């Protein structure tokens, strides 16, 4: 586990600044190495772009690399909460790690804005401190099912990670498919660290599906895509928003042309219609990110950007009832302020959070993309 401490600070674009006060400290747990590095690296790059203050309040970040490992994520969370006394957490980057730290978050009473979907489902006493920025698995799975129906696909197969990400998607997708008369003729799984899925690909092909949903994230998702083509599958391939980054396009190359992906609108900000209520928010992120790093915006850039927008909107509210010097009260005030955010447009969609919904954006939150010549094209 690697730790980077930085004086990086973010600033608000909100209102007049109050008098100087104790700083706000944010612990950021990301997968900067390991199988999920293609998620964590753009997330860190995004957070490094955040401005320097919110309502005159300095924000300091401590970055920790969990190496894509749940045990390392738990250790990082404990150290950030108990030794660094952070006011809130951002991250982790992947579902198994985000689920692993829930008990640390709950027992410490520190809000966590996870950069993975569907962590606090349902919101319970244990998960009430956790929020998600990505679109929920249910929302994305429904977009895939509706697209399958529009093409007349009634026999499909599923292959996903053998972990919490794959299981969460299986629950969401299989339920939605059943409600809509889609028959899942085969279900396969593979490890994030797998080097071959030829056996699974052969089994899927033998079941003769019209389409296959691949549930994985980052560059490992290219493995089943290539394997299915190598064993002669010629139907439609779908991936999840877990692949929506330039590294996946680079690794998969022309093998991925034609693949359909439900994703954040922020990934194709310039392609959104002018009437979209989140166009301005998406373009703000895209222009800021692309000015710094070129045209490499990803799903994970958008998800990480939203952590900053949630803090930017919640912090001025929290400061009305508590100050950072009173750590426990301030953590609680931040949690309550985040939970109270409504109608907030972001690159991922419109957030309407509540005591029963901590689960990402709910409005204008999904677009369907097709991979064409190594680029994302909005399916209109």
Protein backbone atom coordinates (compact mmCIF):
# COMPACT_ATOMS: atom_id res chain seq x y z
CA UNK A 1 0.00 0.00 0.00
CA UNK A 2 1.42 3.35 -1.01
CA UNK A 3 0.48 6.69 0.52
CA UNK A 4 0.81 10.09 -1.08
CA UNK A 5 0.23 13.11 1.15
CA UNK A 6 -0.33 16.32 -0.69
CA UNK A 7 -1.30 19.87 -0.10
CA UNK A 8 -3.69 19.55 -3.02
CA UNK A 9 -6.77 21.51 -2.21
CA UNK A 10 -10.09 22.10 -3.88
CA UNK A 11 -12.05 25.21 -3.96
CA UNK A 12 -15.56 26.08 -4.31
CA UNK A 13 -17.30 28.04 -6.85
CA UNK A 14 -19.90 28.96 -4.27
CA UNK A 15 -20.56 32.19 -2.47
CA UNK A 16 -18.55 34.45 -0.23
CA UNK A 17 -15.87 32.98 2.03
CA UNK A 18 -16.24 32.98 5.79
CA UNK A 19 -13.35 33.69 8.12
CA UNK A 20 -10.45 31.24 8.13
CA UNK A 21 -11.05 28.03 10.06
CA UNK A 22 -9.53 24.57 10.49
CA UNK A 23 -8.90 22.73 7.23
CA UNK A 24 -11.06 19.94 5.87
CA UNK A 25 -9.14 16.70 5.38
CA UNK A 26 -10.17 14.16 2.76
CA UNK A 27 -8.77 10.63 2.57
CA UNK A 28 -8.73 9.26 -0.98
CA UNK A 29 -8.43 5.47 -1.42
CA UNK A 30 -7.84 4.48 -5.05
CA UNK A 31 -6.54 1.52 -7.04
CA UNK A 32 -3.42 3.15 -8.47
CA UNK A 33 -1.70 -0.19 -9.09
CA UNK A 34 -2.93 -3.73 -9.68
CA UNK A 35 -5.70 -4.96 -12.05
CA UNK A 36 -7.89 -1.86 -11.44
CA UNK A 37 -5.17 0.74 -12.04
CA UNK A 38 -6.89 1.88 -15.23
CA UNK A 39 -9.74 3.06 -12.98
CA UNK A 40 -7.75 4.57 -10.14
CA UNK A 41 -5.23 6.55 -12.19
CA UNK A 42 -7.80 8.71 -14.05
CA UNK A 43 -9.70 9.13 -10.77
CA UNK A 44 -6.62 10.56 -9.09
CA UNK A 45 -5.85 12.77 -12.08
CA UNK A 46 -9.40 14.12 -11.86
CA UNK A 47 -9.26 14.87 -8.15
CA UNK A 48 -5.97 16.69 -8.67
CA UNK A 49 -7.86 19.18 -10.86
CA UNK A 50 -10.28 20.29 -8.16
CA UNK A 51 -10.01 23.99 -7.21
CA UNK A 52 -8.55 25.16 -3.93
CA UNK A 53 -11.25 26.25 -1.51
CA UNK A 54 -14.90 25.88 -0.71
CA UNK A 55 -16.45 28.93 0.94
CA UNK A 56 -12.98 30.01 2.06
CA UNK A 57 -12.28 26.57 3.55
CA UNK A 58 -9.01 24.86 2.58
CA UNK A 59 -9.32 21.20 1.59
CA UNK A 60 -6.35 18.84 2.00
CA UNK A 61 -6.10 15.37 0.48
CA UNK A 62 -4.19 12.25 1.45
CA UNK A 63 -4.02 9.74 -1.41
CA UNK A 64 -3.58 6.04 -0.67
CA UNK A 65 -3.03 3.24 -3.19
CA UNK A 66 -4.91 0.09 -2.17
CA UNK A 67 -3.24 -1.92 -4.98
CA UNK A 68 -6.69 -3.18 -6.06
CA UNK A 69 -6.77 -5.32 -2.89
CA UNK A 70 -9.65 -5.31 -0.35
CA UNK A 71 -7.39 -6.01 2.62
CA UNK A 72 -5.18 -3.04 1.73
CA UNK A 73 -8.29 -0.88 1.33
CA UNK A 74 -9.44 -1.72 4.87
CA UNK A 75 -5.99 -0.94 6.28
CA UNK A 76 -5.96 2.37 4.41
CA UNK A 77 -9.41 3.32 5.66
CA UNK A 78 -8.49 2.61 9.27
CA UNK A 79 -5.29 4.63 9.10
CA UNK A 80 -6.95 7.57 7.38
CA UNK A 81 -9.81 7.65 9.88
CA UNK A 82 -7.93 6.85 13.10
CA UNK A 83 -4.47 8.36 12.50
CA UNK A 84 -5.04 11.11 9.95
CA UNK A 85 -8.46 12.02 11.38
CA UNK A 86 -9.96 12.72 7.97
CA UNK A 87 -13.36 14.37 7.78
CA UNK A 88 -14.54 12.19 4.91
CA UNK A 89 -13.35 9.61 2.40
CA UNK A 90 -13.42 9.40 -1.39
CA UNK A 91 -13.20 5.93 -2.97
CA UNK A 92 -12.33 3.10 -3.27
CA UNK A 93 -12.20 2.48 -7.02
CA UNK A 94 -13.69 -1.03 -7.17
CA UNK A 95 -16.71 -2.71 -5.62
CA UNK A 96 -14.97 -5.41 -3.51
CA UNK A 97 -12.78 -2.77 -1.86
CA UNK A 98 -15.69 -0.37 -1.31
CA UNK A 99 -17.74 -3.10 0.35
CA UNK A 100 -14.75 -4.14 2.46
CA UNK A 101 -14.43 -0.73 4.15
CA UNK A 102 -18.12 -0.26 4.98
CA UNK A 103 -17.71 -1.49 8.56
CA UNK A 104 -14.77 0.87 9.15
CA UNK A 105 -16.83 3.76 7.81
CA UNK A 106 -19.90 2.85 9.86
CA UNK A 107 -18.07 2.28 13.15
CA UNK A 108 -16.10 5.53 12.76
CA UNK A 109 -19.03 7.68 11.67
CA UNK A 110 -17.17 9.14 8.69
CA UNK A 111 -18.93 9.80 5.37
CA UNK A 112 -17.57 7.95 2.35
CA UNK A 113 -18.29 8.94 -1.25
CA UNK A 114 -17.49 5.68 -3.03
CA UNK A 115 -16.51 5.74 -6.70
CA UNK A 116 -18.38 2.49 -7.35
CA UNK A 117 -22.10 1.76 -7.81
CA UNK A 118 -24.69 0.32 -5.48
CA UNK A 119 -22.71 0.12 -2.22
CA UNK A 120 -25.50 1.40 0.04
CA UNK A 121 -28.37 -0.72 -1.26
CA UNK A 122 -30.49 -0.66 0.75
CA UNK A 123 -29.56 2.22 3.02
CA UNK A 124 -29.31 0.72 6.50
CA UNK A 125 -27.76 1.75 9.80
CA UNK A 126 -24.58 0.07 8.55
CA UNK A 127 -24.51 1.77 5.12
CA UNK A 128 -25.99 5.19 5.98
CA UNK A 129 -22.51 6.76 5.89
CA UNK A 130 -21.81 5.57 2.33
CA UNK A 131 -22.74 7.30 -0.94
CA UNK A 132 -22.04 6.28 -4.55
CA UNK A 133 -21.28 8.52 -7.50
CA UNK A 134 -21.63 6.08 -10.44
CA UNK A 135 -24.97 5.06 -11.86
CA UNK A 136 -26.54 2.12 -10.04
CA UNK A 137 -26.28 -1.40 -11.42
CA UNK A 138 -30.08 -1.46 -11.72
CA UNK A 139 -30.10 1.67 -13.86
CA UNK A 140 -27.34 0.46 -16.19
CA UNK A 141 -28.73 -3.08 -16.43
CA UNK A 142 -32.12 -1.71 -17.43
CA UNK A 143 -30.50 0.29 -20.25
CA UNK A 144 -28.85 -2.88 -21.54
CA UNK A 145 -32.11 -4.86 -21.37
CA UNK A 146 -34.04 -2.16 -23.19
CA UNK A 147 -31.42 -2.04 -25.95
CA UNK A 148 -31.54 -5.83 -26.27
CA UNK A 149 -35.31 -5.70 -26.61
CA UNK A 150 -35.06 -3.00 -29.27
CA UNK A 151 -32.91 -5.37 -31.35
CA UNK A 152 -35.10 -8.41 -30.71
CA UNK A 153 -32.53 -10.29 -28.63
CA UNK A 154 -34.41 -12.83 -26.50
CA UNK A 155 -31.62 -15.39 -25.90
CA UNK A 156 -28.54 -13.94 -24.23
CA UNK A 157 -25.56 -15.06 -22.15
CA UNK A 158 -23.70 -13.51 -19.23
CA UNK A 159 -20.02 -13.64 -18.27
CA UNK A 160 -18.75 -11.57 -15.35
CA UNK A 161 -16.14 -11.13 -12.68
CA UNK A 162 -16.32 -13.72 -9.91
CA UNK A 163 -16.59 -11.03 -7.24
CA UNK A 164 -18.99 -8.43 -5.89
CA UNK A 165 -19.04 -6.44 -9.13
CA UNK A 166 -20.07 -9.47 -11.16
CA UNK A 167 -22.58 -10.62 -8.56
CA UNK A 168 -24.18 -7.19 -8.25
CA UNK A 169 -24.63 -6.95 -11.99
CA UNK A 170 -25.97 -10.51 -12.19
CA UNK A 171 -28.69 -9.73 -9.67
CA UNK A 172 -29.70 -6.53 -11.47
CA UNK A 173 -29.50 -7.86 -15.02
CA UNK A 174 -31.08 -11.28 -14.45
CA UNK A 175 -34.05 -9.74 -12.65
CA UNK A 176 -34.64 -7.13 -15.36
CA UNK A 177 -34.19 -9.69 -18.13
CA UNK A 178 -36.73 -12.03 -16.51
CA UNK A 179 -39.28 -9.22 -16.22
CA UNK A 180 -38.89 -8.52 -19.93
CA UNK A 181 -39.00 -12.06 -21.30
CA UNK A 182 -35.28 -12.38 -22.06
CA UNK A 183 -33.86 -15.88 -21.52
CA UNK A 184 -30.33 -16.03 -20.11
CA UNK A 185 -29.10 -19.28 -21.66
CA UNK A 186 -25.69 -19.37 -19.94
CA UNK A 187 -23.90 -17.74 -17.02
CA UNK A 188 -20.10 -17.83 -16.71
CA UNK A 189 -17.57 -16.15 -14.45
CA UNK A 190 -13.83 -15.39 -14.31
CA UNK A 191 -11.34 -13.85 -11.91
CA UNK A 192 -9.99 -10.33 -12.36
CA UNK A 193 -6.51 -11.84 -12.65
CA UNK A 194 -7.48 -14.57 -15.15
CA UNK A 195 -5.26 -15.06 -18.21
CA UNK A 196 -7.66 -17.24 -20.21
CA UNK A 197 -11.44 -17.63 -20.49
CA UNK A 198 -11.48 -19.87 -23.56
CA UNK A 199 -13.44 -22.57 -21.76
CA UNK A 200 -16.14 -20.12 -20.72
CA UNK A 201 -16.27 -18.66 -24.23
CA UNK A 202 -16.75 -22.12 -25.77
CA UNK A 203 -19.54 -22.90 -23.31
CA UNK A 204 -21.28 -19.63 -24.13
CA UNK A 205 -21.01 -20.19 -27.88
CA UNK A 206 -22.47 -23.68 -27.51
CA UNK A 207 -25.57 -22.18 -25.89
CA UNK A 208 -26.19 -20.14 -29.08
CA UNK A 209 -27.10 -16.74 -27.61
CA UNK A 210 -27.95 -13.78 -29.81
CA UNK A 211 -25.99 -11.44 -27.53
CA UNK A 212 -23.55 -11.64 -24.62
CA UNK A 213 -23.18 -9.24 -21.70
CA UNK A 214 -19.61 -9.03 -20.35
CA UNK A 215 -19.51 -7.74 -16.78
CA UNK A 216 -16.00 -6.61 -15.90
CA UNK A 217 -14.06 -3.40 -15.38
CA UNK A 218 -10.88 -1.89 -16.73
CA UNK A 219 -8.55 -3.65 -19.15
CA UNK A 220 -9.32 -7.22 -17.89
CA UNK A 221 -12.70 -6.86 -19.62
CA UNK A 222 -10.94 -7.21 -22.99
CA UNK A 223 -10.14 -10.88 -22.24
CA UNK A 224 -13.64 -12.37 -22.72
CA UNK A 225 -14.32 -10.01 -25.64
CA UNK A 226 -11.36 -11.44 -27.56
CA UNK A 227 -12.00 -15.01 -26.44
CA UNK A 228 -15.59 -14.97 -27.70
CA UNK A 229 -14.48 -13.74 -31.10
CA UNK A 230 -11.69 -16.30 -31.27
CA UNK A 231 -14.10 -19.20 -30.72
CA UNK A 232 -16.41 -17.93 -33.44
CA UNK A 233 -19.13 -15.96 -31.68
CA UNK A 234 -20.68 -13.48 -34.12
CA UNK A 235 -23.56 -12.05 -32.09
CA UNK A 236 -23.81 -8.69 -30.35
CA UNK A 237 -21.45 -7.98 -27.46
CA UNK A 238 -22.28 -5.68 -24.55
CA UNK A 239 -19.98 -4.40 -21.82
CA UNK A 240 -20.77 -2.40 -18.68
CA UNK A 241 -19.74 1.12 -17.74
CA UNK A 242 -16.77 -0.50 -15.98
CA UNK A 243 -14.90 -0.44 -19.32
CA UNK A 244 -15.62 3.15 -20.25
CA UNK A 245 -12.06 4.47 -20.35
CA UNK A 246 -9.32 5.01 -22.95
CA UNK A 247 -7.15 2.18 -21.59
CA UNK A 248 -9.84 -0.36 -22.42
CA UNK A 249 -10.16 1.01 -25.95
CA UNK A 250 -6.38 0.89 -26.37
CA UNK A 251 -6.02 -2.68 -25.10
CA UNK A 252 -9.04 -4.09 -26.92
CA UNK A 253 -8.39 -2.20 -30.16
CA UNK A 254 -10.39 -3.11 -33.25
CA UNK A 255 -11.61 -6.29 -31.51
CA UNK A 256 -14.13 -4.13 -29.65
CA UNK A 257 -15.64 -2.32 -32.63
CA UNK A 258 -19.42 -2.63 -32.54
CA UNK A 259 -19.60 -3.35 -28.81
CA UNK A 260 -22.41 -1.54 -26.98
CA UNK A 261 -21.82 0.06 -23.56
CA UNK A 262 -24.18 1.89 -21.17
CA UNK A 263 -22.19 4.80 -19.79
CA UNK A 264 -22.11 8.19 -18.16
CA UNK A 265 -23.30 11.07 -20.37
CA UNK A 266 -20.15 12.92 -19.34
CA UNK A 267 -18.07 10.53 -21.41
CA UNK A 268 -19.46 12.09 -24.59
CA UNK A 269 -20.26 15.58 -23.35
CA UNK A 270 -19.82 17.24 -26.75
CA UNK A 271 -22.20 14.72 -28.39
CA UNK A 272 -25.05 15.43 -25.96
CA UNK A 273 -27.97 17.47 -27.33
CA UNK A 274 -28.05 21.12 -26.29
CA UNK A 275 -31.37 20.42 -24.54
CA UNK A 276 -29.77 18.02 -22.06
CA UNK A 277 -30.06 19.39 -18.50
CA UNK A 278 -26.59 18.08 -17.69
CA UNK A 279 -24.83 19.32 -20.83
CA UNK A 280 -23.29 22.34 -19.09
CA UNK A 281 -22.02 20.27 -16.15
CA UNK A 282 -20.60 17.65 -18.49
CA UNK A 283 -18.87 20.22 -20.67
CA UNK A 284 -17.36 21.92 -17.62
CA UNK A 285 -15.73 18.66 -16.62
CA UNK A 286 -14.68 17.72 -20.14
CA UNK A 287 -13.07 21.07 -20.89
CA UNK A 288 -11.21 21.13 -17.57
CA UNK A 289 -9.96 17.55 -17.87
CA UNK A 290 -9.05 17.76 -21.55
CA UNK A 291 -7.15 21.01 -21.06
CA UNK A 292 -4.94 19.24 -18.54
CA UNK A 293 -4.65 15.77 -20.03
CA UNK A 294 -5.97 15.76 -23.58
CA UNK A 295 -9.04 13.97 -24.87
CA UNK A 296 -8.95 11.11 -22.35
CA UNK A 297 -12.12 11.59 -20.28
CA UNK A 298 -13.50 8.32 -18.93
CA UNK A 299 -16.43 6.99 -16.92
CA UNK A 300 -14.10 7.03 -13.94
CA UNK A 301 -13.15 10.66 -14.55
CA UNK A 302 -16.83 11.57 -14.41
CA UNK A 303 -17.45 9.46 -11.30
CA UNK A 304 -14.46 11.03 -9.52
CA UNK A 305 -15.47 14.52 -10.62
CA UNK A 306 -18.83 14.02 -8.96
CA UNK A 307 -17.17 13.41 -5.59
CA UNK A 308 -15.92 16.98 -5.80
CA UNK A 309 -19.32 18.32 -6.86
CA UNK A 310 -21.03 16.57 -3.95
CA UNK A 311 -18.51 18.02 -1.52
CA UNK A 312 -18.69 21.43 -3.18
CA UNK A 313 -22.45 21.50 -2.70
CA UNK A 314 -22.61 19.89 0.75
CA UNK A 315 -19.77 21.63 2.58
CA UNK A 316 -21.33 25.12 2.81
CA UNK A 317 -24.45 23.51 4.27
CA UNK A 318 -22.46 21.45 6.78
CA UNK A 319 -20.49 24.50 7.92
CA UNK A 320 -23.70 26.12 9.10
CA UNK A 321 -24.09 23.54 11.86
CA UNK A 322 -20.57 22.29 12.63
CA UNK A 323 -16.89 23.14 12.24
CA UNK A 324 -13.93 20.89 11.35
CA UNK A 325 -12.43 21.44 14.79
CA UNK A 326 -15.27 19.32 16.22
CA UNK A 327 -14.48 16.17 14.23
CA UNK A 328 -17.41 13.93 15.16
CA UNK A 329 -20.03 16.66 14.75
CA UNK A 330 -18.51 17.86 11.49
CA UNK A 331 -18.44 14.37 10.01
CA UNK A 332 -22.11 13.98 10.88
CA UNK A 333 -22.97 17.38 9.42
CA UNK A 334 -21.23 16.48 6.16
CA UNK A 335 -23.11 13.18 5.97
CA UNK A 336 -26.45 14.91 6.51
CA UNK A 337 -25.66 17.62 3.97
CA UNK A 338 -24.70 15.11 1.28
CA UNK A 339 -27.85 13.11 1.95
CA UNK A 340 -29.90 16.28 1.49
CA UNK A 341 -28.68 17.13 -2.02
CA UNK A 342 -31.47 17.36 -4.60
CA UNK A 343 -31.60 18.33 -8.27
CA UNK A 344 -27.80 18.53 -8.59
CA UNK A 345 -26.69 18.26 -12.26
CA UNK A 346 -23.36 16.51 -12.80
CA UNK A 347 -21.59 14.79 -15.72
CA UNK A 348 -23.11 11.51 -14.49
CA UNK A 349 -26.70 12.77 -14.31
CA UNK A 350 -28.95 14.49 -11.80
CA UNK A 351 -28.48 13.57 -8.14
CA UNK A 352 -31.55 13.36 -5.90
CA UNK A 353 -30.26 11.86 -2.68
CA UNK A 354 -32.38 11.05 0.37
CA UNK A 355 -32.38 8.96 3.57
CA UNK A 356 -33.41 5.95 1.44
CA UNK A 357 -31.29 6.65 -1.66
CA UNK A 358 -27.51 7.08 -1.58
CA UNK A 359 -27.15 5.38 -4.91
CA UNK A 360 -25.78 7.76 -7.54
CA UNK A 361 -27.67 9.87 -10.08
CA UNK A 362 -31.21 8.94 -11.01
CA UNK A 363 -32.15 11.37 -13.78
CA UNK A 364 -30.61 11.79 -17.25
CA UNK A 365 -27.92 9.38 -16.08
CA UNK A 366 -27.38 6.84 -18.88
CA UNK A 367 -26.46 6.95 -22.55
CA UNK A 368 -25.82 3.97 -24.79
CA UNK A 369 -22.51 4.11 -26.64
CA UNK A 370 -21.09 2.08 -29.52
CA UNK A 371 -17.36 1.56 -29.94
CA UNK A 372 -16.39 2.60 -33.46
CA UNK A 373 -12.77 2.77 -34.65
CA UNK A 374 -11.49 3.02 -31.10
CA UNK A 375 -13.83 5.83 -30.05
CA UNK A 376 -17.14 6.28 -28.24
CA UNK A 377 -20.14 7.11 -30.42
CA UNK A 378 -23.47 8.11 -28.90
CA UNK A 379 -26.32 5.83 -29.97
CA UNK A 380 -29.20 8.18 -30.69
